[in-house]
Amino acid sequence: MDVLQKKRLAAAVTAVYRYLRSQEEQQLAMAAASRPVSAPALGAVSLWSASGRQAGMEMRRLLQLRMMR
């Protein structure tokens, strides 16, 4: 087998490998796209805890601004 034949064989094998790999990636993408995306439950985050956290963060920010003066 001469050098030219080896290069052609390597190119053919690479082309087949890339084609098969692209087909697998396409199938995985189609499967992922077909899965339904569920929205988070409304009760997952308590409004009381969210507002308390926001108030605490704002108080910390105000204290930091006061400390910088």
C-alpha atoms as a PDB file:
ATOM      1  CA  MET A   1       0.000   0.000   0.000  1.00  0.00           C
ATOM      2  CA  ASP A   2       1.580   3.242  -1.069  1.00  0.00           C
ATOM      3  CA  VAL A   3       1.351   6.604   0.698  1.00  0.00           C
ATOM      4  CA  LEU A   4      -1.462   7.942  -1.496  1.00  0.00           C
ATOM      5  CA  GLN A   5      -3.656   4.912  -0.786  1.00  0.00           C
ATOM      6  CA  LYS A   6      -3.002   5.245   2.947  1.00  0.00           C
ATOM      7  CA  LYS A   7      -4.021   8.899   2.861  1.00  0.00           C
ATOM      8  CA  ARG A   8      -7.197   8.089   0.923  1.00  0.00           C
ATOM      9  CA  LEU A   9      -8.078   5.277   3.335  1.00  0.00           C
ATOM     10  CA  ALA A  10      -7.491   7.540   6.338  1.00  0.00           C
ATOM     11  CA  ALA A  11      -9.636  10.267   4.767  1.00  0.00           C
ATOM     12  CA  ALA A  12     -12.439   7.793   4.047  1.00  0.00           C
ATOM     13  CA  VAL A  13     -12.370   6.379   7.576  1.00  0.00           C
ATOM     14  CA  THR A  14     -12.379   9.884   9.050  1.00  0.00           C
ATOM     15  CA  ALA A  15     -15.311  10.914   6.864  1.00  0.00           C
ATOM     16  CA  VAL A  16     -17.359   7.885   7.912  1.00  0.00           C
ATOM     17  CA  TYR A  17     -16.513   8.461  11.578  1.00  0.00           C
ATOM     18  CA  ARG A  18     -17.539  12.125  11.397  1.00  0.00           C
ATOM     19  CA  TYR A  19     -20.774  11.233   9.621  1.00  0.00           C
ATOM     20  CA  LEU A  20     -21.718   8.647  12.251  1.00  0.00           C
ATOM     21  CA  ARG A  21     -20.819  11.028  15.055  1.00  0.00           C
ATOM     22  CA  SER A  22     -22.947  13.820  13.575  1.00  0.00           C
ATOM     23  CA  GLN A  23     -25.876  11.413  13.255  1.00  0.00           C
ATOM     24  CA  GLU A  24     -25.547  10.438  16.930  1.00  0.00           C
ATOM     25  CA  GLU A  25     -25.389  14.082  17.996  1.00  0.00           C
ATOM     26  CA  GLN A  26     -28.462  14.857  15.898  1.00  0.00           C
ATOM     27  CA  GLN A  27     -30.393  11.992  17.498  1.00  0.00           C
ATOM     28  CA  LEU A  28     -29.415  13.159  20.982  1.00  0.00           C
ATOM     29  CA  ALA A  29     -30.474  16.714  20.173  1.00  0.00           C
ATOM     30  CA  MET A  30     -33.832  15.511  18.847  1.00  0.00           C
ATOM     31  CA  ALA A  31     -34.391  13.409  21.966  1.00  0.00           C
ATOM     32  CA  ALA A  32     -33.537  16.340  24.228  1.00  0.00           C
ATOM     33  CA  ALA A  33     -35.835  18.664  22.293  1.00  0.00           C
ATOM     34  CA  SER A  34     -38.743  16.251  22.511  1.00  0.00           C
ATOM     35  CA  ARG A  35     -38.623  16.062  26.312  1.00  0.00           C
ATOM     36  CA  PRO A  36     -41.176  18.372  27.913  1.00  0.00           C
ATOM     37  CA  VAL A  37     -39.743  21.133  30.070  1.00  0.00           C
ATOM     38  CA  SER A  38     -41.593  21.414  33.336  1.00  0.00           C
ATOM     39  CA  ALA A  39     -42.022  24.740  35.063  1.00  0.00           C
ATOM     40  CA  PRO A  40     -40.945  24.987  38.700  1.00  0.00           C
ATOM     41  CA  ALA A  41     -43.698  24.582  41.237  1.00  0.00           C
ATOM     42  CA  LEU A  42     -45.213  27.799  42.526  1.00  0.00           C
ATOM     43  CA  GLY A  43     -44.819  26.715  46.125  1.00  0.00           C
ATOM     44  CA  ALA A  44     -41.128  25.923  45.688  1.00  0.00           C
ATOM     45  CA  VAL A  45     -40.030  29.391  46.855  1.00  0.00           C
ATOM     46  CA  SER A  46     -41.799  30.998  49.738  1.00  0.00           C
ATOM     47  CA  LEU A  47     -42.633  34.664  49.223  1.00  0.00           C
ATOM     48  CA  TRP A  48     -41.910  35.347  52.885  1.00  0.00           C
ATOM     49  CA  SER A  49     -38.395  33.957  52.664  1.00  0.00           C
ATOM     50  CA  ALA A  50     -37.721  35.763  49.386  1.00  0.00           C
ATOM     51  CA  SER A  51     -38.850  39.122  50.739  1.00  0.00           C
ATOM     52  CA  GLY A  52     -36.918  38.571  53.979  1.00  0.00           C
ATOM     53  CA  ARG A  53     -33.763  37.771  52.046  1.00  0.00           C
ATOM     54  CA  GLN A  54     -34.233  40.831  49.863  1.00  0.00           C
ATOM     55  CA  ALA A  55     -34.735  43.055  52.904  1.00  0.00           C
ATOM     56  CA  GLY A  56     -31.629  41.635  54.551  1.00  0.00           C
ATOM     57  CA  MET A  57     -29.537  42.222  51.460  1.00  0.00           C
ATOM     58  CA  GLU A  58     -30.777  45.793  51.158  1.00  0.00           C
ATOM     59  CA  MET A  59     -29.989  46.472  54.826  1.00  0.00           C
ATOM     60  CA  ARG A  60     -26.483  45.088  54.339  1.00  0.00           C
ATOM     61  CA  ARG A  61     -25.982  47.291  51.296  1.00  0.00           C
ATOM     62  CA  LEU A  62     -27.109  50.371  53.222  1.00  0.00           C
ATOM     63  CA  LEU A  63     -24.759  49.519  56.091  1.00  0.00           C
ATOM     64  CA  GLN A  64     -21.876  49.095  53.671  1.00  0.00           C
ATOM     65  CA  LEU A  65     -22.581  52.464  52.086  1.00  0.00           C
ATOM     66  CA  ARG A  66     -22.629  54.066  55.538  1.00  0.00           C
ATOM     67  CA  MET A  67     -19.305  52.417  56.412  1.00  0.00           C
ATOM     68  CA  MET A  68     -17.656  53.770  53.275  1.00  0.00           C
ATOM     69  CA  ARG A  69     -18.305  57.401  54.181  1.00  0.00           C
END
